[in-house]
Amino acid sequence: MKTAGIIAEYNPFHQGHLRQISFLRKNCNADYIIIAMSGDFVQRGTPALFPKHLRAEAALRCGADLVLELPVSVSCASAELFAKGGVELLSGIGVTDVLCFGSEEGSLPLFQKTAEILCTEPKEYQELLKDVLKTGLSYPSARSKALWKYVSDKGIISNKEAYQKFLSEPNNILGIEYCKAILRQKSPLEPLTLPREGAGYHDQTLSASTAPSASGIRNYVKEQLIKKGIFPSTDDLTGHPLYGMLPLESLKLSLAAISEKRFVFEEDLDILLFYRLLLEDTVSLSRYLDVSNDLAARIQRMKNQYQGFLSFAESLKTKELTRTRIQRSLLHILLKLQDIPAPVGYARVLGFRKNASSLLSAIKKGSTLPLLTKAADAQRRLDQTSLVAFQETVFASNLYEGLVCHKTHGEFLHEMQKKVVII
């Protein structure tokens, strides 16, 4: 039995995601494909566009066999901690052979060499990093610059310009972190990268011929559908502008969610975050994950200028702190996340295909992590550290559910009552 793993957000599930699953099935002969997926909040420090069970269903209907949820402390953490948690989850279930990730590079050697440097941290590299950080660059920028200088000085890479570009691409950066996590954990996972096709990661262009990015699709949904009050029918999908940009099953689910107002944007956090900030001071703010003393002081100083989540994050941005880092920090405050994520200690099932029963049986036999198919089992099956991570995730999902219910005027469904998606 060959099993492939993917770490993803599916925010939302688009054609590039379908291509990755199809590649694993057809080119790698994967018998089963397991997704370690972010829940209701994602790595860029924002809520996911659609609820996690909907995104899990989209993945299953488009070819995945099993969807497991990453704890919220992992799903909205830095790239390094996000990758670390994803690898811990896929390794811990004991059946995953391959970790496949998309990248702009499309070839594995650069990822592995760079990951090796970052894991061993040669003295020369450490000195270069210290010097670059003194110039005031953000840590990600400083690390890229130090890496480029190190490999250039050592003659490790012949094409310096190509390596510089390699280090600047967002999917490449995450791929490096996956390879680094595999090395550090001595994980049995075999890394495999698939070249990204179509629009760039941040590209807002929307065209079926260029396979639009998730950010482009989210922007279209927000600006062209929601803000204009257009809630499309799912009867005639062929005439919809998103037809061909999302796989048919994902499109059906997405348009149904839009028409039913089951979506969340950053602006939905505006009042909630302001309420949280009113309860904090400089000392208490500095206790939250990713909130330095300087950032805490800056938040406290600018609190009275608060107008909304996104605008506040933009106003807090500095040369040293990217907007994404700021958004994650604010989300950590809102969700009351204070500690670096503990090693992933459970595998919570969001959904699976009926014909994957043998996969679940294999996981139950070989996993070092408790497999949770019922949320109610967490209390008796998890140790204290894992239970805290689970409860944090339950709180975050209940908050998300509350935001959705506020729009739909529907009945609130507690996270502990939600059923696993079975296709």
Protein backbone atom coordinates (compact mmCIF):
# COMPACT_ATOMS: atom_id res chain seq x y z
CA MET A 1 0.00 0.00 0.00
CA LYS A 2 1.47 3.35 -1.07
CA THR A 3 0.14 6.39 0.76
CA ALA A 4 0.85 10.01 -0.13
CA GLY A 5 0.35 13.01 2.13
CA ILE A 6 -0.38 16.66 1.37
CA ILE A 7 -0.31 19.57 3.82
CA ALA A 8 -2.84 22.15 2.66
CA GLU A 9 -5.35 24.88 3.42
CA TYR A 10 -7.65 24.50 0.38
CA ASN A 11 -8.74 28.09 0.78
CA PRO A 12 -10.56 27.30 -1.49
CA PHE A 13 -9.91 24.01 -3.32
CA HIS A 14 -8.94 24.92 -6.91
CA GLN A 15 -7.61 23.34 -10.11
CA GLY A 16 -4.00 23.33 -8.91
CA HIS A 17 -5.02 21.24 -5.91
CA LEU A 18 -6.87 18.80 -8.17
CA ARG A 19 -3.79 18.54 -10.39
CA GLN A 20 -1.65 17.61 -7.38
CA ILE A 21 -4.03 14.85 -6.29
CA SER A 22 -4.29 13.53 -9.86
CA PHE A 23 -0.50 13.54 -10.17
CA LEU A 24 -0.11 11.43 -7.04
CA ARG A 25 -2.75 9.00 -8.17
CA LYS A 26 -1.59 8.59 -11.77
CA ASN A 27 2.16 9.30 -11.74
CA CYS A 28 3.10 8.06 -8.28
CA ASN A 29 0.63 5.18 -8.09
CA ALA A 30 -0.64 6.32 -4.71
CA ASP A 31 -3.27 3.96 -3.38
CA TYR A 32 -4.39 6.50 -0.79
CA ILE A 33 -4.02 10.27 -0.41
CA ILE A 34 -4.20 11.86 3.03
CA ILE A 35 -4.63 15.60 3.57
CA ALA A 36 -3.37 17.38 6.69
CA MET A 37 -5.57 20.47 6.42
CA SER A 38 -5.86 23.75 8.28
CA GLY A 39 -9.10 24.23 10.13
CA ASP A 40 -11.11 27.46 10.26
CA PHE A 41 -8.10 29.80 10.52
CA VAL A 42 -5.11 29.80 8.20
CA GLN A 43 -1.40 30.50 8.07
CA ARG A 44 -1.64 34.06 6.74
CA GLY A 45 -3.34 35.02 10.01
CA THR A 46 -6.94 35.20 8.80
CA PRO A 47 -10.11 33.12 8.85
CA ALA A 48 -10.56 30.63 6.03
CA LEU A 49 -13.07 31.74 3.41
CA PHE A 50 -15.29 28.68 3.87
CA PRO A 51 -15.82 26.36 6.89
CA LYS A 52 -13.39 23.49 7.31
CA HIS A 53 -15.94 20.69 6.85
CA LEU A 54 -16.97 22.18 3.50
CA ARG A 55 -13.33 22.38 2.38
CA ALA A 56 -12.76 18.81 3.57
CA GLU A 57 -15.76 17.66 1.55
CA ALA A 58 -14.40 19.43 -1.54
CA ALA A 59 -11.08 17.61 -1.15
CA LEU A 60 -12.79 14.22 -0.74
CA ARG A 61 -15.07 14.74 -3.73
CA CYS A 62 -12.03 15.70 -5.79
CA GLY A 63 -10.01 12.56 -5.02
CA ALA A 64 -8.58 12.68 -1.48
CA ASP A 65 -9.25 9.66 0.73
CA LEU A 66 -8.84 11.10 4.23
CA VAL A 67 -8.75 14.65 5.63
CA LEU A 68 -7.18 15.28 9.04
CA GLU A 69 -7.30 18.63 10.84
CA LEU A 70 -4.21 20.52 11.93
CA PRO A 71 -4.60 22.07 15.41
CA VAL A 72 -5.34 25.80 15.24
CA SER A 73 -2.03 26.66 16.93
CA VAL A 74 -0.30 25.00 13.96
CA SER A 75 -2.59 26.21 11.17
CA CYS A 76 -2.07 29.90 12.01
CA ALA A 77 1.62 29.66 12.94
CA SER A 78 4.74 30.71 11.04
CA ALA A 79 5.83 28.72 7.97
CA GLU A 80 8.38 26.82 10.06
CA LEU A 81 5.89 25.79 12.74
CA PHE A 82 3.14 25.10 10.19
CA ALA A 83 5.44 22.73 8.29
CA LYS A 84 6.69 21.14 11.49
CA GLY A 85 3.15 20.37 12.66
CA GLY A 86 2.07 19.03 9.30
CA VAL A 87 5.03 16.67 9.12
CA GLU A 88 4.43 15.53 12.71
CA LEU A 89 0.83 14.68 11.88
CA LEU A 90 1.53 12.82 8.62
CA SER A 91 4.50 10.97 10.15
CA GLY A 92 2.70 10.15 13.38
CA ILE A 93 -0.17 8.25 11.77
CA GLY A 94 2.37 5.65 10.65
CA VAL A 95 1.19 4.97 7.08
CA THR A 96 2.37 7.94 4.99
CA ASP A 97 5.19 7.26 2.53
CA VAL A 98 5.43 10.51 0.53
CA LEU A 99 4.92 14.20 1.29
CA CYS A 100 4.04 16.07 -1.90
CA PHE A 101 4.15 19.86 -2.08
CA GLY A 102 3.77 22.36 -4.88
CA SER A 103 6.59 24.77 -5.64
CA GLU A 104 7.79 27.34 -8.12
CA GLU A 105 11.11 25.46 -8.38
CA GLY A 106 9.74 22.02 -9.22
CA SER A 107 13.01 20.20 -8.50
CA LEU A 108 13.98 18.68 -5.15
CA PRO A 109 17.80 19.15 -4.83
CA LEU A 110 17.69 22.89 -4.01
CA PHE A 111 15.13 22.28 -1.27
CA GLN A 112 17.16 19.51 0.32
CA LYS A 113 20.46 21.39 0.18
CA THR A 114 18.94 24.54 1.64
CA ALA A 115 17.15 22.55 4.36
CA GLU A 116 20.43 20.86 5.25
CA ILE A 117 22.15 24.24 5.70
CA LEU A 118 19.33 25.51 7.90
CA CYS A 119 19.35 22.34 10.03
CA THR A 120 23.12 22.24 10.57
CA GLU A 121 23.53 26.04 10.74
CA PRO A 122 27.26 26.27 9.90
CA LYS A 123 29.14 28.92 11.87
CA GLU A 124 29.75 31.05 8.78
CA TYR A 125 26.01 31.10 8.03
CA GLN A 126 25.19 32.06 11.63
CA GLU A 127 27.58 35.00 11.47
CA LEU A 128 26.13 36.17 8.17
CA LEU A 129 22.60 35.98 9.56
CA LYS A 130 23.56 38.04 12.62
CA ASP A 131 25.12 40.71 10.44
CA VAL A 132 22.13 40.94 8.10
CA LEU A 133 19.63 41.10 10.98
CA LYS A 134 21.50 44.15 12.30
CA THR A 135 20.48 46.03 9.14
CA GLY A 136 16.84 45.93 10.26
CA LEU A 137 15.45 43.47 7.73
CA SER A 138 12.61 41.13 8.74
CA TYR A 139 13.80 37.68 9.74
CA PRO A 140 12.55 35.94 6.54
CA SER A 141 14.31 38.53 4.35
CA ALA A 142 17.47 38.41 6.45
CA ARG A 143 17.56 34.61 6.31
CA SER A 144 17.21 34.60 2.53
CA LYS A 145 19.97 37.16 2.14
CA ALA A 146 22.29 35.27 4.51
CA LEU A 147 21.59 31.97 2.72
CA TRP A 148 22.30 33.53 -0.68
CA LYS A 149 25.58 35.03 0.59
CA TYR A 150 26.61 31.76 2.22
CA VAL A 151 26.05 29.54 -0.82
CA SER A 152 27.67 32.17 -3.04
CA ASP A 153 30.79 32.42 -0.87
CA LYS A 154 31.05 28.63 -0.64
CA GLY A 155 30.46 28.08 -4.34
CA ILE A 156 27.63 25.67 -3.53
CA ILE A 157 25.31 27.14 -6.16
CA SER A 158 26.56 28.08 -9.62
CA ASN A 159 23.60 30.23 -10.70
CA LYS A 160 23.41 32.89 -7.98
CA GLU A 161 20.54 34.83 -9.57
CA ALA A 162 18.38 31.72 -9.93
CA TYR A 163 19.01 30.80 -6.28
CA GLN A 164 18.07 34.29 -5.16
CA LYS A 165 14.77 33.96 -7.02
CA PHE A 166 14.29 30.47 -5.57
CA LEU A 167 14.52 31.90 -2.05
CA SER A 168 11.97 34.63 -2.77
CA GLU A 169 9.07 32.47 -3.95
CA PRO A 170 6.38 31.72 -1.31
CA ASN A 171 5.76 28.06 -2.19
CA ASN A 172 9.51 27.42 -2.34
CA ILE A 173 9.89 28.92 1.14
CA LEU A 174 7.25 26.57 2.53
CA GLY A 175 8.83 23.64 0.66
CA ILE A 176 12.16 24.37 2.34
CA GLU A 177 10.39 24.22 5.70
CA TYR A 178 8.82 20.85 4.83
CA CYS A 179 12.22 19.41 3.96
CA LYS A 180 13.74 20.95 7.07
CA ALA A 181 11.02 19.42 9.27
CA ILE A 182 11.56 15.99 7.70
CA LEU A 183 15.31 16.20 8.40
CA ARG A 184 14.94 17.46 11.97
CA GLN A 185 12.31 14.89 12.89
CA LYS A 186 14.15 12.08 11.08
CA SER A 187 10.79 11.45 9.47
CA PRO A 188 10.34 8.50 7.09
CA LEU A 189 8.41 10.78 4.71
CA GLU A 190 9.92 11.05 1.24
CA PRO A 191 9.62 14.64 -0.05
CA LEU A 192 8.29 15.16 -3.55
CA THR A 193 7.66 18.49 -5.26
CA LEU A 194 5.35 19.30 -8.15
CA PRO A 195 5.97 22.48 -10.18
CA ARG A 196 3.26 25.07 -9.74
CA GLU A 197 1.40 26.08 -12.90
CA GLY A 198 -0.74 29.10 -13.69
CA ALA A 199 -0.99 32.36 -11.75
CA GLY A 200 1.53 33.27 -9.07
CA TYR A 201 0.81 32.83 -5.38
CA HIS A 202 -0.23 36.48 -4.88
CA ASP A 203 -1.59 37.04 -8.39
CA GLN A 204 -5.11 38.51 -8.40
CA THR A 205 -5.64 37.79 -12.12
CA LEU A 206 -8.67 35.62 -12.76
CA SER A 207 -8.56 33.44 -15.85
CA ALA A 208 -9.34 29.76 -16.35
CA SER A 209 -6.49 29.51 -18.87
CA THR A 210 -3.91 30.57 -16.26
CA ALA A 211 -5.23 28.50 -13.32
CA PRO A 212 -5.84 31.36 -10.85
CA SER A 213 -4.36 31.42 -7.37
CA ALA A 214 -6.41 30.91 -4.22
CA SER A 215 -5.91 34.58 -3.35
CA GLY A 216 -7.25 35.61 -6.77
CA ILE A 217 -10.35 33.45 -6.28
CA ARG A 218 -10.93 34.79 -2.77
CA ASN A 219 -10.59 38.35 -4.01
CA TYR A 220 -13.13 37.70 -6.79
CA VAL A 221 -15.62 36.14 -4.38
CA LYS A 222 -15.27 39.10 -2.03
CA GLU A 223 -15.18 42.01 -4.47
CA GLN A 224 -17.30 40.78 -7.37
CA LEU A 225 -19.87 38.58 -5.65
CA ILE A 226 -20.28 39.38 -1.95
CA LYS A 227 -19.78 43.16 -1.99
CA LYS A 228 -22.06 43.48 -5.01
CA GLY A 229 -24.69 41.30 -3.40
CA ILE A 230 -24.52 38.64 -6.10
CA PHE A 231 -25.45 35.25 -4.67
CA PRO A 232 -25.30 32.89 -7.64
CA SER A 233 -27.48 29.86 -8.27
CA THR A 234 -25.84 26.46 -8.55
CA ASP A 235 -28.26 25.37 -11.28
CA ASP A 236 -26.24 26.47 -14.33
CA LEU A 237 -22.55 26.29 -13.45
CA THR A 238 -21.21 26.48 -17.00
CA GLY A 239 -22.11 30.14 -17.29
CA HIS A 240 -20.48 31.18 -14.02
CA PRO A 241 -17.18 33.16 -14.19
CA LEU A 242 -15.55 30.67 -11.80
CA TYR A 243 -16.41 27.71 -14.01
CA GLY A 244 -13.18 25.98 -15.01
CA MET A 245 -11.20 27.71 -12.24
CA LEU A 246 -12.42 25.42 -9.49
CA PRO A 247 -13.11 21.71 -10.02
CA LEU A 248 -16.82 21.13 -10.54
CA GLU A 249 -17.45 19.58 -7.12
CA SER A 250 -15.56 22.37 -5.36
CA LEU A 251 -17.42 24.98 -7.40
CA LYS A 252 -20.79 23.51 -6.43
CA LEU A 253 -19.93 23.55 -2.73
CA SER A 254 -18.39 27.04 -2.90
CA LEU A 255 -21.34 28.63 -4.71
CA ALA A 256 -23.79 26.95 -2.34
CA ALA A 257 -21.85 28.38 0.61
CA ILE A 258 -21.85 31.85 -0.97
CA SER A 259 -25.60 31.74 -1.64
CA GLU A 260 -26.21 30.62 1.95
CA LYS A 261 -23.75 33.24 3.31
CA ARG A 262 -21.56 30.57 4.91
CA PHE A 263 -18.28 32.44 4.54
CA VAL A 264 -16.01 34.57 6.72
CA PHE A 265 -13.76 37.50 5.80
CA GLU A 266 -11.10 39.36 7.77
CA GLU A 267 -13.53 42.24 8.36
CA ASP A 268 -15.76 39.89 10.34
CA LEU A 269 -13.09 39.95 13.05
CA ASP A 270 -13.12 43.77 13.39
CA ILE A 271 -15.23 44.20 16.53
CA LEU A 272 -14.10 40.94 18.12
CA LEU A 273 -10.44 41.92 17.93
CA PHE A 274 -11.11 45.43 19.25
CA TYR A 275 -12.92 43.91 22.23
CA ARG A 276 -9.94 41.65 22.91
CA LEU A 277 -7.48 44.56 22.66
CA LEU A 278 -9.50 46.60 25.15
CA LEU A 279 -8.93 43.84 27.72
CA GLU A 280 -5.13 43.87 27.29
CA ASP A 281 -2.19 46.03 28.27
CA THR A 282 1.43 46.03 27.12
CA VAL A 283 2.49 43.34 29.57
CA SER A 284 -0.38 40.96 28.83
CA LEU A 285 -0.10 41.49 25.06
CA SER A 286 3.55 40.42 25.10
CA ARG A 287 2.51 36.99 26.43
CA TYR A 288 0.85 36.02 23.15
CA LEU A 289 2.64 34.02 20.49
CA ASP A 290 4.63 36.16 18.02
CA VAL A 291 3.97 39.36 20.00
CA SER A 292 7.32 40.86 20.98
CA ASN A 293 7.65 43.52 23.66
CA ASP A 294 8.11 46.15 20.96
CA LEU A 295 5.03 45.02 19.05
CA ALA A 296 2.98 44.88 22.26
CA ALA A 297 3.98 48.47 23.06
CA ARG A 298 3.13 49.54 19.51
CA ILE A 299 -0.30 47.88 19.66
CA GLN A 300 -1.03 49.52 23.00
CA ARG A 301 0.13 52.92 21.74
CA MET A 302 -2.00 52.74 18.58
CA LYS A 303 -5.06 51.07 20.08
CA ASN A 304 -7.15 54.24 19.97
CA GLN A 305 -6.60 54.46 16.20
CA TYR A 306 -8.14 51.04 15.63
CA GLN A 307 -10.67 50.94 12.79
CA GLY A 308 -10.56 47.29 11.75
CA PHE A 309 -8.47 44.10 11.60
CA LEU A 310 -6.84 44.69 8.20
CA SER A 311 -6.24 48.42 8.54
CA PHE A 312 -4.78 47.96 12.03
CA ALA A 313 -2.43 45.25 10.77
CA GLU A 314 -1.32 47.58 7.98
CA SER A 315 -0.69 50.44 10.41
CA LEU A 316 1.43 48.17 12.65
CA LYS A 317 3.65 46.97 9.78
CA THR A 318 7.33 47.92 9.96
CA LYS A 319 10.49 47.14 8.04
CA GLU A 320 11.17 44.31 10.48
CA LEU A 321 7.61 42.94 10.66
CA THR A 322 5.63 41.88 7.60
CA ARG A 323 1.89 42.36 7.43
CA THR A 324 1.35 38.59 7.46
CA ARG A 325 3.37 38.31 10.66
CA ILE A 326 1.30 41.12 12.19
CA GLN A 327 -1.96 39.43 11.16
CA ARG A 328 -0.83 36.18 12.79
CA SER A 329 0.06 38.08 15.95
CA LEU A 330 -3.36 39.75 16.09
CA LEU A 331 -5.08 36.43 15.46
CA HIS A 332 -3.09 34.85 18.30
CA ILE A 333 -4.37 37.62 20.58
CA LEU A 334 -7.96 37.07 19.44
CA LEU A 335 -7.74 33.28 19.88
CA LYS A 336 -5.70 33.57 23.10
CA LEU A 337 -2.78 31.51 21.77
CA GLN A 338 0.28 32.09 23.94
CA ASP A 339 2.65 29.17 23.46
CA ILE A 340 4.65 27.76 20.58
CA PRO A 341 2.62 24.79 19.27
CA ALA A 342 3.39 21.57 21.10
CA PRO A 343 4.19 18.51 18.98
CA VAL A 344 0.96 17.36 17.32
CA GLY A 345 -0.49 14.75 19.68
CA TYR A 346 -3.61 13.51 17.89
CA ALA A 347 -5.11 12.96 14.45
CA ARG A 348 -8.62 14.40 14.26
CA VAL A 349 -10.63 13.13 11.27
CA LEU A 350 -12.67 15.74 9.39
CA GLY A 351 -13.75 13.37 6.64
CA PHE A 352 -12.99 10.22 4.66
CA ARG A 353 -14.17 8.18 1.71
CA LYS A 354 -16.11 5.00 2.45
CA ASN A 355 -13.75 2.92 0.32
CA ALA A 356 -10.82 4.02 2.49
CA SER A 357 -11.80 1.84 5.44
CA SER A 358 -8.63 -0.26 5.08
CA LEU A 359 -6.58 2.95 5.35
CA LEU A 360 -8.26 3.83 8.64
CA SER A 361 -7.61 0.30 9.90
CA ALA A 362 -3.94 0.58 8.99
CA ILE A 363 -3.69 3.92 10.82
CA LYS A 364 -5.30 2.48 13.94
CA LYS A 365 -2.70 -0.30 13.93
CA GLY A 366 0.40 1.73 13.11
CA SER A 367 -0.26 5.23 14.46
CA THR A 368 1.56 6.66 17.46
CA LEU A 369 -1.19 9.30 17.64
CA PRO A 370 -4.75 8.73 18.88
CA LEU A 371 -7.10 8.76 15.87
CA LEU A 372 -10.21 10.80 16.70
CA THR A 373 -13.27 10.05 14.58
CA LYS A 374 -15.50 11.46 17.33
CA ALA A 375 -14.68 14.78 18.97
CA ALA A 376 -16.21 13.52 22.21
CA ASP A 377 -13.42 10.93 22.51
CA ALA A 378 -10.77 13.62 23.01
CA GLN A 379 -11.41 14.01 26.75
CA ARG A 380 -10.57 10.39 27.56
CA ARG A 381 -7.96 9.66 24.86
CA LEU A 382 -5.65 12.67 24.88
CA ASP A 383 -2.93 13.62 27.33
CA GLN A 384 -3.11 17.06 28.94
CA THR A 385 -0.91 18.84 26.41
CA SER A 386 -2.80 17.44 23.43
CA LEU A 387 -6.14 18.14 25.10
CA VAL A 388 -5.20 21.82 25.45
CA ALA A 389 -4.40 21.98 21.72
CA PHE A 390 -7.70 20.28 20.93
CA GLN A 391 -9.67 22.65 23.17
CA GLU A 392 -7.97 25.67 21.56
CA THR A 393 -9.11 24.35 18.19
CA VAL A 394 -12.65 23.78 19.43
CA PHE A 395 -12.78 27.37 20.72
CA ALA A 396 -11.51 28.76 17.41
CA SER A 397 -14.03 26.74 15.41
CA ASN A 398 -16.90 27.75 17.67
CA LEU A 399 -15.91 31.37 17.17
CA TYR A 400 -15.89 30.84 13.40
CA GLU A 401 -19.27 29.07 13.57
CA GLY A 402 -20.66 32.02 15.52
CA LEU A 403 -19.53 34.43 12.81
CA VAL A 404 -21.21 32.28 10.15
CA CYS A 405 -24.43 32.01 12.15
CA HIS A 406 -24.50 35.79 12.60
CA LYS A 407 -24.72 36.10 8.81
CA THR A 408 -27.07 33.23 8.09
CA HIS A 409 -29.27 33.67 11.17
CA GLY A 410 -29.03 29.90 11.38
CA GLU A 411 -28.82 27.64 14.42
CA PHE A 412 -25.42 27.46 16.11
CA LEU A 413 -23.86 24.00 15.96
CA HIS A 414 -21.18 23.40 18.58
CA GLU A 415 -17.91 21.93 17.31
CA MET A 416 -18.37 18.83 19.47
CA GLN A 417 -21.65 18.10 17.67
CA LYS A 418 -20.34 18.29 14.12
CA LYS A 419 -20.21 15.04 12.20
CA VAL A 420 -17.36 13.62 10.16
CA VAL A 421 -17.85 14.07 6.40
CA ILE A 422 -18.24 10.66 4.74
CA ILE A 423 -18.33 10.39 0.95
